N, C-alpha and C. Protein backbone atom coordinates (compact mmCIF):
# COMPACT_ATOMS: atom_id res chain seq x y z
N UNK A 1 79.19 -12.39 27.30
CA UNK A 1 78.29 -11.58 28.09
C UNK A 1 77.70 -10.49 27.19
N UNK A 2 76.37 -10.39 27.11
CA UNK A 2 75.76 -9.35 26.28
C UNK A 2 76.16 -7.95 26.75
N UNK A 3 76.18 -7.03 25.81
CA UNK A 3 76.66 -5.67 26.08
C UNK A 3 75.89 -4.99 27.19
N UNK A 4 74.55 -5.03 27.15
CA UNK A 4 73.78 -4.35 28.20
C UNK A 4 74.07 -4.93 29.58
N UNK A 5 74.20 -6.24 29.65
CA UNK A 5 74.52 -6.87 30.93
C UNK A 5 75.89 -6.42 31.41
N UNK A 6 76.85 -6.32 30.50
CA UNK A 6 78.20 -5.89 30.86
C UNK A 6 78.21 -4.46 31.38
N UNK A 7 77.46 -3.59 30.74
CA UNK A 7 77.46 -2.17 31.13
C UNK A 7 76.61 -1.93 32.36
N UNK A 8 75.38 -2.46 32.35
CA UNK A 8 74.47 -2.20 33.46
C UNK A 8 74.85 -2.95 34.73
N UNK A 9 75.46 -4.12 34.59
CA UNK A 9 75.75 -4.95 35.75
C UNK A 9 77.10 -4.71 36.39
N UNK A 10 77.99 -4.00 35.72
CA UNK A 10 79.33 -3.78 36.30
C UNK A 10 79.25 -2.90 37.52
N UNK A 11 79.92 -3.33 38.59
CA UNK A 11 79.89 -2.58 39.85
C UNK A 11 80.46 -1.18 39.70
N UNK A 12 81.46 -1.00 38.82
CA UNK A 12 82.07 0.31 38.67
C UNK A 12 81.26 1.23 37.75
N UNK A 13 80.17 0.72 37.16
CA UNK A 13 79.27 1.56 36.36
C UNK A 13 77.95 1.70 37.10
N UNK A 14 76.92 1.00 36.70
CA UNK A 14 75.63 1.13 37.37
C UNK A 14 75.40 0.09 38.45
N UNK A 15 76.05 -1.06 38.34
CA UNK A 15 75.95 -2.08 39.37
C UNK A 15 74.58 -2.68 39.57
N UNK A 16 73.79 -2.76 38.50
CA UNK A 16 72.44 -3.31 38.59
C UNK A 16 72.47 -4.83 38.53
N UNK A 17 71.45 -5.45 39.08
CA UNK A 17 71.29 -6.90 38.98
C UNK A 17 70.59 -7.17 37.66
N UNK A 18 71.33 -7.62 36.65
CA UNK A 18 70.82 -7.77 35.29
C UNK A 18 70.75 -9.24 34.91
N UNK A 19 69.62 -9.64 34.35
CA UNK A 19 69.47 -10.99 33.80
C UNK A 19 69.11 -10.85 32.34
N UNK A 20 69.88 -11.48 31.47
CA UNK A 20 69.63 -11.43 30.04
C UNK A 20 68.91 -12.70 29.62
N UNK A 21 67.82 -12.53 28.88
CA UNK A 21 67.06 -13.67 28.36
C UNK A 21 67.11 -13.60 26.84
N UNK A 22 67.71 -14.62 26.21
CA UNK A 22 67.89 -14.61 24.76
C UNK A 22 67.37 -15.92 24.18
N UNK A 23 66.31 -15.86 23.37
CA UNK A 23 65.86 -17.08 22.71
C UNK A 23 66.83 -17.45 21.59
N UNK A 24 67.09 -18.74 21.44
CA UNK A 24 68.02 -19.22 20.41
C UNK A 24 67.30 -20.20 19.49
N UNK A 25 67.69 -20.39 18.29
CA UNK A 25 68.53 -19.53 17.46
C UNK A 25 67.75 -18.26 17.08
N UNK A 26 68.31 -17.13 17.39
CA UNK A 26 67.61 -15.86 17.33
C UNK A 26 67.13 -15.46 15.93
N UNK A 27 67.84 -15.82 14.89
CA UNK A 27 67.47 -15.37 13.55
C UNK A 27 66.68 -16.41 12.74
N UNK A 28 66.27 -17.51 13.35
CA UNK A 28 65.60 -18.59 12.61
C UNK A 28 64.32 -18.14 11.93
N UNK A 29 63.63 -17.17 12.50
CA UNK A 29 62.38 -16.71 11.89
C UNK A 29 62.60 -15.64 10.83
N UNK A 30 63.84 -15.16 10.65
CA UNK A 30 64.12 -14.07 9.72
C UNK A 30 65.03 -14.45 8.55
N UNK A 31 65.82 -15.50 8.71
CA UNK A 31 66.81 -15.89 7.71
C UNK A 31 66.42 -17.26 7.17
N UNK A 32 66.33 -17.41 5.84
CA UNK A 32 65.90 -18.68 5.26
C UNK A 32 66.81 -19.88 5.58
N UNK A 33 68.11 -19.68 5.70
CA UNK A 33 69.05 -20.80 5.89
C UNK A 33 68.71 -21.66 7.11
N UNK A 34 68.45 -21.09 8.27
CA UNK A 34 68.15 -21.94 9.43
C UNK A 34 66.65 -22.25 9.59
N UNK A 35 65.90 -22.27 8.49
CA UNK A 35 64.45 -22.49 8.58
C UNK A 35 64.12 -23.80 9.29
N UNK A 36 64.97 -24.79 9.15
CA UNK A 36 64.73 -26.07 9.83
C UNK A 36 64.79 -25.93 11.35
N UNK A 37 65.42 -24.88 11.82
CA UNK A 37 65.55 -24.64 13.26
C UNK A 37 64.37 -23.84 13.83
N UNK A 38 63.40 -23.50 13.00
CA UNK A 38 62.28 -22.68 13.45
C UNK A 38 61.53 -23.30 14.63
N UNK A 39 61.24 -24.60 14.65
CA UNK A 39 60.57 -25.18 15.83
C UNK A 39 61.40 -25.00 17.12
N UNK A 40 62.71 -25.17 17.01
CA UNK A 40 63.58 -24.95 18.16
C UNK A 40 63.50 -23.50 18.62
N UNK A 41 63.51 -22.57 17.67
CA UNK A 41 63.41 -21.14 17.99
C UNK A 41 62.08 -20.84 18.69
N UNK A 42 60.99 -21.38 18.18
CA UNK A 42 59.67 -21.10 18.77
C UNK A 42 59.59 -21.64 20.20
N UNK A 43 60.15 -22.82 20.43
CA UNK A 43 60.18 -23.38 21.78
C UNK A 43 61.04 -22.52 22.70
N UNK A 44 62.20 -22.11 22.20
CA UNK A 44 63.10 -21.28 22.98
C UNK A 44 62.46 -19.93 23.29
N UNK A 45 61.74 -19.36 22.33
CA UNK A 45 61.07 -18.07 22.54
C UNK A 45 59.98 -18.20 23.61
N UNK A 46 59.21 -19.28 23.56
CA UNK A 46 58.19 -19.52 24.57
C UNK A 46 58.83 -19.66 25.95
N UNK A 47 59.93 -20.41 26.03
CA UNK A 47 60.64 -20.55 27.30
C UNK A 47 61.18 -19.21 27.80
N UNK A 48 61.68 -18.38 26.88
CA UNK A 48 62.19 -17.06 27.26
C UNK A 48 61.07 -16.19 27.83
N UNK A 49 59.89 -16.23 27.21
CA UNK A 49 58.75 -15.46 27.72
C UNK A 49 58.38 -15.92 29.13
N UNK A 50 58.38 -17.22 29.35
CA UNK A 50 58.07 -17.76 30.68
C UNK A 50 59.12 -17.32 31.71
N UNK A 51 60.38 -17.34 31.31
CA UNK A 51 61.45 -16.91 32.22
C UNK A 51 61.28 -15.44 32.59
N UNK A 52 60.93 -14.62 31.62
CA UNK A 52 60.73 -13.19 31.89
C UNK A 52 59.54 -13.00 32.83
N UNK A 53 58.47 -13.77 32.63
CA UNK A 53 57.31 -13.67 33.53
C UNK A 53 57.71 -14.04 34.96
N UNK A 54 58.49 -15.12 35.12
CA UNK A 54 58.94 -15.52 36.46
C UNK A 54 59.83 -14.44 37.08
N UNK A 55 60.74 -13.89 36.29
CA UNK A 55 61.61 -12.83 36.80
C UNK A 55 60.80 -11.60 37.18
N UNK A 56 59.77 -11.29 36.41
CA UNK A 56 58.95 -10.12 36.68
C UNK A 56 58.22 -10.25 38.02
N UNK A 57 57.76 -11.45 38.34
CA UNK A 57 57.06 -11.63 39.62
C UNK A 57 58.02 -11.64 40.80
N UNK A 58 59.31 -11.88 40.53
CA UNK A 58 60.30 -11.89 41.61
C UNK A 58 60.78 -10.49 41.97
N UNK A 59 60.51 -9.52 41.11
CA UNK A 59 60.96 -8.15 41.35
C UNK A 59 59.83 -7.38 42.02
N UNK A 60 60.08 -6.80 43.20
CA UNK A 60 59.01 -6.04 43.85
C UNK A 60 58.65 -4.79 43.04
N UNK A 61 57.38 -4.49 42.99
CA UNK A 61 56.93 -3.29 42.27
C UNK A 61 57.36 -2.05 43.03
N UNK A 62 57.79 -1.05 42.28
CA UNK A 62 58.19 0.21 42.91
C UNK A 62 57.22 1.28 42.44
N UNK A 63 56.86 2.16 43.35
CA UNK A 63 55.96 3.25 42.99
C UNK A 63 56.75 4.54 42.90
N UNK A 64 56.27 5.42 42.02
CA UNK A 64 56.93 6.73 41.86
C UNK A 64 56.70 7.57 43.10
N UNK A 65 57.68 8.34 43.46
CA UNK A 65 57.57 9.19 44.65
C UNK A 65 56.73 10.41 44.38
């Protein structure tokens, strides 16, 4: 479980509804060794962006008081 999800989502702390979106393999575009995995990373990143867009439309907009 990612750290932010663990802290923000715990009922005894903030108790927020947290969804973590992580494209994999995360370091393929920065580290030469997994360069062969770059197409997989790009596909995963595109999918992550789409998931965030879907999640964003599911959350009602809140206005400042």
